[in-house]
Amino acid sequence: VASNVITSEKAKLHTPGHVAAPFRGVVSVSVAPGDTVEAGDSVAVIEAMKMESAISAGVSGTVSRVVVPLAAAVEPGDLLVEIRPAGLAEEI
């Protein structure tokens, strides 16, 4: 029996640079890998119950990965974006 259930990746809340969905909704990410962000910059918007809420970067750095596709439905704790904090060496 085939299943179309997609398992969302969960954010590690104590990992600097993980940006998580705070509540259920439809997400629109406004950054791309390689973008530089400052702490407090909006990196995504979640729409729920006809209201939009900006989701901010918790750290300054470079976006290393956008996890969710455009207009994805997300649940609380789902990982949206990974940011490599400023000052960390590039991975080899």
PDB file of N, CA and C in Angstrom:
ATOM      1  N   VAL A   1       0.854  -1.177   0.000  1.00  0.00           N
ATOM      2  CA  VAL A   1       0.000   0.000   0.000  1.00  0.00           C
ATOM      3  C   VAL A   1       0.893   1.232   0.000  1.00  0.00           C
ATOM      4  N   ALA A   2       0.702   2.105  -0.972  1.00  0.00           N
ATOM      5  CA  ALA A   2       1.495   3.329  -1.076  1.00  0.00           C
ATOM      6  C   ALA A   2       0.878   4.412  -0.207  1.00  0.00           C
ATOM      7  N   SER A   3       1.741   5.278   0.292  1.00  0.00           N
ATOM      8  CA  SER A   3       1.278   6.376   1.138  1.00  0.00           C
ATOM      9  C   SER A   3       1.850   7.680   0.627  1.00  0.00           C
ATOM     10  N   ASN A   4       1.028   8.734   0.631  1.00  0.00           N
ATOM     11  CA  ASN A   4       1.478  10.050   0.196  1.00  0.00           C
ATOM     12  C   ASN A   4       1.753  10.975   1.371  1.00  0.00           C
ATOM     13  N   VAL A   5       1.901  10.410   2.557  1.00  0.00           N
ATOM     14  CA  VAL A   5       2.165  11.219   3.741  1.00  0.00           C
ATOM     15  C   VAL A   5       3.595  11.737   3.677  1.00  0.00           C
ATOM     16  N   ILE A   6       3.738  13.037   3.836  1.00  0.00           N
ATOM     17  CA  ILE A   6       5.062  13.654   3.834  1.00  0.00           C
ATOM     18  C   ILE A   6       5.434  13.953   5.278  1.00  0.00           C
ATOM     19  N   THR A   7       6.571  13.435   5.707  1.00  0.00           N
ATOM     20  CA  THR A   7       7.031  13.693   7.063  1.00  0.00           C
ATOM     21  C   THR A   7       7.863  14.961   7.057  1.00  0.00           C
ATOM     22  N   SER A   8       7.452  15.935   7.852  1.00  0.00           N
ATOM     23  CA  SER A   8       8.160  17.203   7.925  1.00  0.00           C
ATOM     24  C   SER A   8       9.359  17.078   8.848  1.00  0.00           C
ATOM     25  N   GLU A   9      10.418  17.777   8.480  1.00  0.00           N
ATOM     26  CA  GLU A   9      11.604  17.828   9.322  1.00  0.00           C
ATOM     27  C   GLU A   9      11.334  18.798  10.467  1.00  0.00           C
ATOM     28  N   LYS A  10      11.642  18.391  11.677  1.00  0.00           N
ATOM     29  CA  LYS A  10      11.415  19.232  12.852  1.00  0.00           C
ATOM     30  C   LYS A  10      12.679  20.032  13.184  1.00  0.00           C
ATOM     31  N   ALA A  11      12.466  21.254  13.633  1.00  0.00           N
ATOM     32  CA  ALA A  11      13.576  22.108  14.045  1.00  0.00           C
ATOM     33  C   ALA A  11      14.123  21.615  15.379  1.00  0.00           C
ATOM     34  N   LYS A  12      15.421  21.782  15.552  1.00  0.00           N
ATOM     35  CA  LYS A  12      16.060  21.521  16.841  1.00  0.00           C
ATOM     36  C   LYS A  12      16.097  22.874  17.540  1.00  0.00           C
ATOM     37  N   LEU A  13      15.234  23.053  18.515  1.00  0.00           N
ATOM     38  CA  LEU A  13      15.008  24.366  19.105  1.00  0.00           C
ATOM     39  C   LEU A  13      16.246  24.981  19.746  1.00  0.00           C
ATOM     40  N   HIS A  14      17.217  24.166  20.143  1.00  0.00           N
ATOM     41  CA  HIS A  14      18.419  24.713  20.767  1.00  0.00           C
ATOM     42  C   HIS A  14      19.570  24.836  19.776  1.00  0.00           C
ATOM     43  N   THR A  15      19.273  24.696  18.491  1.00  0.00           N
ATOM     44  CA  THR A  15      20.290  24.833  17.452  1.00  0.00           C
ATOM     45  C   THR A  15      20.219  26.233  16.865  1.00  0.00           C
ATOM     46  N   PRO A  16      21.273  27.043  17.079  1.00  0.00           N
ATOM     47  CA  PRO A  16      21.256  28.387  16.487  1.00  0.00           C
ATOM     48  C   PRO A  16      21.109  28.278  14.974  1.00  0.00           C
ATOM     49  N   GLY A  17      20.257  29.084  14.416  1.00  0.00           N
ATOM     50  CA  GLY A  17      20.077  29.079  12.974  1.00  0.00           C
ATOM     51  C   GLY A  17      18.886  28.286  12.485  1.00  0.00           C
ATOM     52  N   HIS A  18      18.269  27.487  13.338  1.00  0.00           N
ATOM     53  CA  HIS A  18      17.055  26.784  12.925  1.00  0.00           C
ATOM     54  C   HIS A  18      15.868  27.721  13.113  1.00  0.00           C
ATOM     55  N   VAL A  19      15.102  27.932  12.043  1.00  0.00           N
ATOM     56  CA  VAL A  19      13.902  28.764  12.095  1.00  0.00           C
ATOM     57  C   VAL A  19      12.704  27.829  11.966  1.00  0.00           C
ATOM     58  N   ALA A  20      11.852  27.819  12.993  1.00  0.00           N
ATOM     59  CA  ALA A  20      10.734  26.876  13.057  1.00  0.00           C
ATOM     60  C   ALA A  20       9.397  27.578  12.895  1.00  0.00           C
ATOM     61  N   ALA A  21       8.423  26.816  12.439  1.00  0.00           N
ATOM     62  CA  ALA A  21       7.046  27.314  12.382  1.00  0.00           C
ATOM     63  C   ALA A  21       6.505  27.370  13.807  1.00  0.00           C
ATOM     64  N   PRO A  22       6.000  28.528  14.240  1.00  0.00           N
ATOM     65  CA  PRO A  22       5.469  28.621  15.600  1.00  0.00           C
ATOM     66  C   PRO A  22       4.047  28.064  15.732  1.00  0.00           C
ATOM     67  N   PHE A  23       3.346  27.949  14.604  1.00  0.00           N
ATOM     68  CA  PHE A  23       1.974  27.443  14.612  1.00  0.00           C
ATOM     69  C   PHE A  23       1.631  26.899  13.239  1.00  0.00           C
ATOM     70  N   ARG A  24       0.472  26.236  13.138  1.00  0.00           N
ATOM     71  CA  ARG A  24       0.011  25.629  11.889  1.00  0.00           C
ATOM     72  C   ARG A  24      -0.413  26.718  10.906  1.00  0.00           C
ATOM     73  N   GLY A  25      -0.094  26.525   9.625  1.00  0.00           N
ATOM     74  CA  GLY A  25      -0.518  27.466   8.594  1.00  0.00           C
ATOM     75  C   GLY A  25       0.128  27.138   7.266  1.00  0.00           C
ATOM     76  N   VAL A  26       0.010  28.066   6.327  1.00  0.00           N
ATOM     77  CA  VAL A  26       0.626  27.922   5.006  1.00  0.00           C
ATOM     78  C   VAL A  26       1.773  28.914   4.940  1.00  0.00           C
ATOM     79  N   VAL A  27       2.960  28.413   4.613  1.00  0.00           N
ATOM     80  CA  VAL A  27       4.167  29.236   4.680  1.00  0.00           C
ATOM     81  C   VAL A  27       4.608  29.715   3.305  1.00  0.00           C
ATOM     82  N   SER A  28       5.166  30.905   3.291  1.00  0.00           N
ATOM     83  CA  SER A  28       5.808  31.479   2.110  1.00  0.00           C
ATOM     84  C   SER A  28       7.171  31.982   2.564  1.00  0.00           C
ATOM     85  N   VAL A  29       8.227  31.351   2.073  1.00  0.00           N
ATOM     86  CA  VAL A  29       9.591  31.715   2.472  1.00  0.00           C
ATOM     87  C   VAL A  29      10.092  32.828   1.562  1.00  0.00           C
ATOM     88  N   SER A  30      10.731  33.836   2.153  1.00  0.00           N
ATOM     89  CA  SER A  30      11.172  35.009   1.394  1.00  0.00           C
ATOM     90  C   SER A  30      12.683  35.093   1.228  1.00  0.00           C
ATOM     91  N   VAL A  31      13.399  34.018   1.563  1.00  0.00           N
ATOM     92  CA  VAL A  31      14.852  33.989   1.404  1.00  0.00           C
ATOM     93  C   VAL A  31      15.245  32.767   0.584  1.00  0.00           C
ATOM     94  N   ALA A  32      16.497  32.764   0.133  1.00  0.00           N
ATOM     95  CA  ALA A  32      17.029  31.649  -0.651  1.00  0.00           C
ATOM     96  C   ALA A  32      18.416  31.306  -0.116  1.00  0.00           C
ATOM     97  N   PRO A  33      18.881  30.080  -0.368  1.00  0.00           N
ATOM     98  CA  PRO A  33      20.231  29.727   0.056  1.00  0.00           C
ATOM     99  C   PRO A  33      21.249  30.735  -0.479  1.00  0.00           C
ATOM    100  N   GLY A  34      22.159  31.134   0.406  1.00  0.00           N
ATOM    101  CA  GLY A  34      23.180  32.115   0.042  1.00  0.00           C
ATOM    102  C   GLY A  34      22.832  33.531   0.458  1.00  0.00           C
ATOM    103  N   ASP A  35      21.553  33.791   0.759  1.00  0.00           N
ATOM    104  CA  ASP A  35      21.149  35.125   1.216  1.00  0.00           C
ATOM    105  C   ASP A  35      21.743  35.403   2.595  1.00  0.00           C
ATOM    106  N   THR A  36      22.128  36.652   2.827  1.00  0.00           N
ATOM    107  CA  THR A  36      22.611  37.090   4.131  1.00  0.00           C
ATOM    108  C   THR A  36      21.453  37.734   4.877  1.00  0.00           C
ATOM    109  N   VAL A  37      21.272  37.339   6.136  1.00  0.00           N
ATOM    110  CA  VAL A  37      20.194  37.894   6.958  1.00  0.00           C
ATOM    111  C   VAL A  37      20.760  38.394   8.280  1.00  0.00           C
ATOM    112  N   GLU A  38      20.057  39.335   8.867  1.00  0.00           N
ATOM    113  CA  GLU A  38      20.386  39.838  10.199  1.00  0.00           C
ATOM    114  C   GLU A  38      19.345  39.298  11.174  1.00  0.00           C
ATOM    115  N   ALA A  39      19.729  39.144  12.434  1.00  0.00           N
ATOM    116  CA  ALA A  39      18.768  38.730  13.455  1.00  0.00           C
ATOM    117  C   ALA A  39      17.598  39.701  13.437  1.00  0.00           C
ATOM    118  N   GLY A  40      16.401  39.168  13.399  1.00  0.00           N
ATOM    119  CA  GLY A  40      15.199  39.994  13.362  1.00  0.00           C
ATOM    120  C   GLY A  40      14.627  40.203  11.973  1.00  0.00           C
ATOM    121  N   ASP A  41      15.411  39.904  10.925  1.00  0.00           N
ATOM    122  CA  ASP A  41      14.902  40.018   9.553  1.00  0.00           C
ATOM    123  C   ASP A  41      13.810  38.973   9.318  1.00  0.00           C
ATOM    124  N   SER A  42      12.794  39.341   8.558  1.00  0.00           N
ATOM    125  CA  SER A  42      11.742  38.397   8.187  1.00  0.00           C
ATOM    126  C   SER A  42      12.288  37.416   7.153  1.00  0.00           C
ATOM    127  N   VAL A  43      12.112  36.121   7.411  1.00  0.00           N
ATOM    128  CA  VAL A  43      12.568  35.097   6.470  1.00  0.00           C
ATOM    129  C   VAL A  43      11.403  34.319   5.866  1.00  0.00           C
ATOM    130  N   ALA A  44      10.224  34.456   6.469  1.00  0.00           N
ATOM    131  CA  ALA A  44       9.042  33.744   5.982  1.00  0.00           C
ATOM    132  C   ALA A  44       7.789  34.407   6.545  1.00  0.00           C
ATOM    133  N   VAL A  45       6.661  34.072   5.921  1.00  0.00           N
ATOM    134  CA  VAL A  45       5.355  34.524   6.400  1.00  0.00           C
ATOM    135  C   VAL A  45       4.465  33.293   6.486  1.00  0.00           C
ATOM    136  N   ILE A  46       3.754  33.162   7.599  1.00  0.00           N
ATOM    137  CA  ILE A  46       2.793  32.072   7.743  1.00  0.00           C
ATOM    138  C   ILE A  46       1.401  32.680   7.753  1.00  0.00           C
ATOM    139  N   GLU A  47       0.537  32.127   6.895  1.00  0.00           N
ATOM    140  CA  GLU A  47      -0.855  32.564   6.850  1.00  0.00           C
ATOM    141  C   GLU A  47      -1.708  31.513   7.549  1.00  0.00           C
ATOM    142  N   ALA A  48      -2.506  31.985   8.499  1.00  0.00           N
ATOM    143  CA  ALA A  48      -3.422  31.102   9.216  1.00  0.00           C
ATOM    144  C   ALA A  48      -4.672  31.900   9.556  1.00  0.00           C
ATOM    145  N   MET A  49      -5.820  31.349   9.252  1.00  0.00           N
ATOM    146  CA  MET A  49      -7.099  31.994   9.546  1.00  0.00           C
ATOM    147  C   MET A  49      -7.156  33.412   8.966  1.00  0.00           C
ATOM    148  N   LYS A  50      -6.677  33.543   7.728  1.00  0.00           N
ATOM    149  CA  LYS A  50      -6.694  34.801   6.970  1.00  0.00           C
ATOM    150  C   LYS A  50      -5.841  35.908   7.585  1.00  0.00           C
ATOM    151  N   MET A  51      -4.924  35.534   8.480  1.00  0.00           N
ATOM    152  CA  MET A  51      -3.985  36.496   9.051  1.00  0.00           C
ATOM    153  C   MET A  51      -2.576  36.047   8.691  1.00  0.00           C
ATOM    154  N   GLU A  52      -1.702  37.012   8.432  1.00  0.00           N
ATOM    155  CA  GLU A  52      -0.316  36.703   8.102  1.00  0.00           C
ATOM    156  C   GLU A  52       0.592  37.131   9.246  1.00  0.00           C
ATOM    157  N   SER A  53       1.550  36.268   9.578  1.00  0.00           N
ATOM    158  CA  SER A  53       2.525  36.562  10.624  1.00  0.00           C
ATOM    159  C   SER A  53       3.921  36.365  10.067  1.00  0.00           C
ATOM    160  N   ALA A  54       4.773  37.379  10.246  1.00  0.00           N
ATOM    161  CA  ALA A  54       6.160  37.289   9.797  1.00  0.00           C
ATOM    162  C   ALA A  54       6.950  36.410  10.764  1.00  0.00           C
ATOM    163  N   ILE A  55       7.828  35.593  10.205  1.00  0.00           N
ATOM    164  CA  ILE A  55       8.715  34.744  10.990  1.00  0.00           C
ATOM    165  C   ILE A  55      10.119  35.306  10.809  1.00  0.00           C
ATOM    166  N   SER A  56      10.794  35.608  11.919  1.00  0.00           N
ATOM    167  CA  SER A  56      12.084  36.296  11.874  1.00  0.00           C
ATOM    168  C   SER A  56      13.253  35.359  12.129  1.00  0.00           C
ATOM    169  N   ALA A  57      14.403  35.747  11.577  1.00  0.00           N
ATOM    170  CA  ALA A  57      15.652  35.038  11.846  1.00  0.00           C
ATOM    171  C   ALA A  57      16.052  35.295  13.292  1.00  0.00           C
ATOM    172  N   GLY A  58      16.489  34.267  13.977  1.00  0.00           N
ATOM    173  CA  GLY A  58      16.942  34.419  15.357  1.00  0.00           C
ATOM    174  C   GLY A  58      18.400  34.794  15.468  1.00  0.00           C
ATOM    175  N   VAL A  59      19.136  34.606  14.370  1.00  0.00           N
ATOM    176  CA  VAL A  59      20.567  34.913  14.348  1.00  0.00           C
ATOM    177  C   VAL A  59      20.921  35.596  13.035  1.00  0.00           C
ATOM    178  N   SER A  60      22.030  36.308  13.041  1.00  0.00           N
ATOM    179  CA  SER A  60      22.580  36.863  11.803  1.00  0.00           C
ATOM    180  C   SER A  60      23.429  35.790  11.146  1.00  0.00           C
ATOM    181  N   GLY A  61      23.422  35.753   9.810  1.00  0.00           N
ATOM    182  CA  GLY A  61      24.232  34.771   9.108  1.00  0.00           C
ATOM    183  C   GLY A  61      23.801  34.608   7.670  1.00  0.00           C
ATOM    184  N   THR A  62      24.128  33.452   7.105  1.00  0.00           N
ATOM    185  CA  THR A  62      23.829  33.141   5.712  1.00  0.00           C
ATOM    186  C   THR A  62      22.848  31.979   5.653  1.00  0.00           C
ATOM    187  N   VAL A  63      21.809  32.123   4.836  1.00  0.00           N
ATOM    188  CA  VAL A  63      20.833  31.043   4.672  1.00  0.00           C
ATOM    189  C   VAL A  63      21.544  29.868   4.007  1.00  0.00           C
ATOM    190  N   SER A  64      21.560  28.722   4.690  1.00  0.00           N
ATOM    191  CA  SER A  64      22.215  27.544   4.126  1.00  0.00           C
ATOM    192  C   SER A  64      21.222  26.597   3.464  1.00  0.00           C
ATOM    193  N   ARG A  65      19.949  26.658   3.914  1.00  0.00           N
ATOM    194  CA  ARG A  65      18.967  25.730   3.348  1.00  0.00           C
ATOM    195  C   ARG A  65      17.558  26.245   3.600  1.00  0.00           C
ATOM    196  N   VAL A  66      16.720  26.154   2.570  1.00  0.00           N
ATOM    197  CA  VAL A  66      15.281  26.381   2.712  1.00  0.00           C
ATOM    198  C   VAL A  66      14.653  24.999   2.672  1.00  0.00           C
ATOM    199  N   VAL A  67      13.958  24.636   3.731  1.00  0.00           N
ATOM    200  CA  VAL A  67      13.486  23.267   3.893  1.00  0.00           C
ATOM    201  C   VAL A  67      12.116  23.028   3.270  1.00  0.00           C
ATOM    202  N   VAL A  68      11.227  23.999   3.363  1.00  0.00           N
ATOM    203  CA  VAL A  68       9.843  23.801   2.918  1.00  0.00           C
ATOM    204  C   VAL A  68       9.618  24.332   1.508  1.00  0.00           C
ATOM    205  N   PRO A  69       8.780  23.660   0.727  1.00  0.00           N
ATOM    206  CA  PRO A  69       8.446  24.173  -0.608  1.00  0.00           C
ATOM    207  C   PRO A  69       7.480  25.352  -0.517  1.00  0.00           C
ATOM    208  N   LEU A  70       7.345  26.072  -1.602  1.00  0.00           N
ATOM    209  CA  LEU A  70       6.448  27.218  -1.678  1.00  0.00           C
ATOM    210  C   LEU A  70       5.020  26.797  -1.362  1.00  0.00           C
ATOM    211  N   ALA A  71       4.342  27.580  -0.544  1.00  0.00           N
ATOM    212  CA  ALA A  71       2.936  27.365  -0.170  1.00  0.00           C
ATOM    213  C   ALA A  71       2.706  26.024   0.523  1.00  0.00           C
ATOM    214  N   ALA A  72       3.670  25.590   1.321  1.00  0.00           N
ATOM    215  CA  ALA A  72       3.536  24.332   2.050  1.00  0.00           C
ATOM    216  C   ALA A  72       2.722  24.535   3.319  1.00  0.00           C
ATOM    217  N   ALA A  73       1.933  23.538   3.659  1.00  0.00           N
ATOM    218  CA  ALA A  73       1.239  23.534   4.946  1.00  0.00           C
ATOM    219  C   ALA A  73       2.230  23.047   5.994  1.00  0.00           C
ATOM    220  N   VAL A  74       2.353  23.789   7.087  1.00  0.00           N
ATOM    221  CA  VAL A  74       3.310  23.433   8.133  1.00  0.00           C
ATOM    222  C   VAL A  74       2.602  23.285   9.471  1.00  0.00           C
ATOM    223  N   GLU A  75       3.258  22.571  10.354  1.00  0.00           N
ATOM    224  CA  GLU A  75       2.779  22.341  11.717  1.00  0.00           C
ATOM    225  C   GLU A  75       3.760  22.999  12.686  1.00  0.00           C
ATOM    226  N   PRO A  76       3.336  23.247  13.925  1.00  0.00           N
ATOM    227  CA  PRO A  76       4.254  23.834  14.901  1.00  0.00           C
ATOM    228  C   PRO A  76       5.524  22.998  15.047  1.00  0.00           C
ATOM    229  N   GLY A  77       6.673  23.662  15.025  1.00  0.00           N
ATOM    230  CA  GLY A  77       7.954  22.980  15.186  1.00  0.00           C
ATOM    231  C   GLY A  77       8.597  22.532  13.895  1.00  0.00           C
ATOM    232  N   ASP A  78       7.876  22.622  12.763  1.00  0.00           N
ATOM    233  CA  ASP A  78       8.478  22.237  11.484  1.00  0.00           C
ATOM    234  C   ASP A  78       9.629  23.184  11.156  1.00  0.00           C
ATOM    235  N   LEU A  79      10.724  22.623  10.669  1.00  0.00           N
ATOM    236  CA  LEU A  79      11.875  23.422  10.257  1.00  0.00           C
ATOM    237  C   LEU A  79      11.561  24.105   8.935  1.00  0.00           C
ATOM    238  N   LEU A  80      11.726  25.432   8.895  1.00  0.00           N
ATOM    239  CA  LEU A  80      11.462  26.203   7.683  1.00  0.00           C
ATOM    240  C   LEU A  80      12.754  26.545   6.955  1.00  0.00           C
ATOM    241  N   VAL A  81      13.713  27.091   7.696  1.00  0.00           N
ATOM    242  CA  VAL A  81      14.951  27.613   7.120  1.00  0.00           C
ATOM    243  C   VAL A  81      16.101  27.304   8.075  1.00  0.00           C
ATOM    244  N   GLU A  82      17.272  27.006   7.506  1.00  0.00           N
ATOM    245  CA  GLU A  82      18.494  26.884   8.294  1.00  0.00           C
ATOM    246  C   GLU A  82      19.404  28.049   7.947  1.00  0.00           C
ATOM    247  N   ILE A  83      19.959  28.679   8.974  1.00  0.00           N
ATOM    248  CA  ILE A  83      20.875  29.803   8.797  1.00  0.00           C
ATOM    249  C   ILE A  83      22.208  29.424   9.422  1.00  0.00           C
ATOM    250  N   ARG A  84      23.298  29.613   8.657  1.00  0.00           N
ATOM    251  CA  ARG A  84      24.640  29.402   9.205  1.00  0.00           C
ATOM    252  C   ARG A  84      25.000  30.689   9.935  1.00  0.00           C
ATOM    253  N   PRO A  85      25.094  30.658  11.278  1.00  0.00           N
ATOM    254  CA  PRO A  85      25.376  31.883  12.025  1.00  0.00           C
ATOM    255  C   PRO A  85      26.673  32.552  11.572  1.00  0.00           C
ATOM    256  N   ALA A  86      26.667  33.878  11.548  1.00  0.00           N
ATOM    257  CA  ALA A  86      27.848  34.657  11.162  1.00  0.00           C
ATOM    258  C   ALA A  86      29.004  34.273  12.079  1.00  0.00           C
ATOM    259  N   GLY A  87      30.185  34.155  11.509  1.00  0.00           N
ATOM    260  CA  GLY A  87      31.367  33.832  12.292  1.00  0.00           C
ATOM    261  C   GLY A  87      31.725  32.362  12.293  1.00  0.00           C
ATOM    262  N   LEU A  88      30.815  31.496  11.853  1.00  0.00           N
ATOM    263  CA  LEU A  88      31.144  30.074  11.777  1.00  0.00           C
ATOM    264  C   LEU A  88      31.859  29.785  10.468  1.00  0.00           C
ATOM    265  N   ALA A  89      32.857  28.937  10.527  1.00  0.00           N
ATOM    266  CA  ALA A  89      33.613  28.580   9.330  1.00  0.00           C
ATOM    267  C   ALA A  89      32.735  27.799   8.361  1.00  0.00           C
ATOM    268  N   GLU A  90      33.004  27.948   7.083  1.00  0.00           N
ATOM    269  CA  GLU A  90      32.298  27.174   6.059  1.00  0.00           C
ATOM    270  C   GLU A  90      32.627  25.699   6.236  1.00  0.00           C
ATOM    271  N   GLU A  91      31.627  24.840   5.992  1.00  0.00           N
ATOM    272  CA  GLU A  91      31.866  23.398   6.046  1.00  0.00           C
ATOM    273  C   GLU A  91      32.692  22.983   4.839  1.00  0.00           C
ATOM    274  N   ILE A  92      33.556  22.005   5.064  1.00  0.00           N
ATOM    275  CA  ILE A  92      34.414  21.530   3.969  1.00  0.00           C
ATOM    276  C   ILE A  92      33.846  20.258   3.401  1.00  0.00           C
TER     277      ILE A  92
END
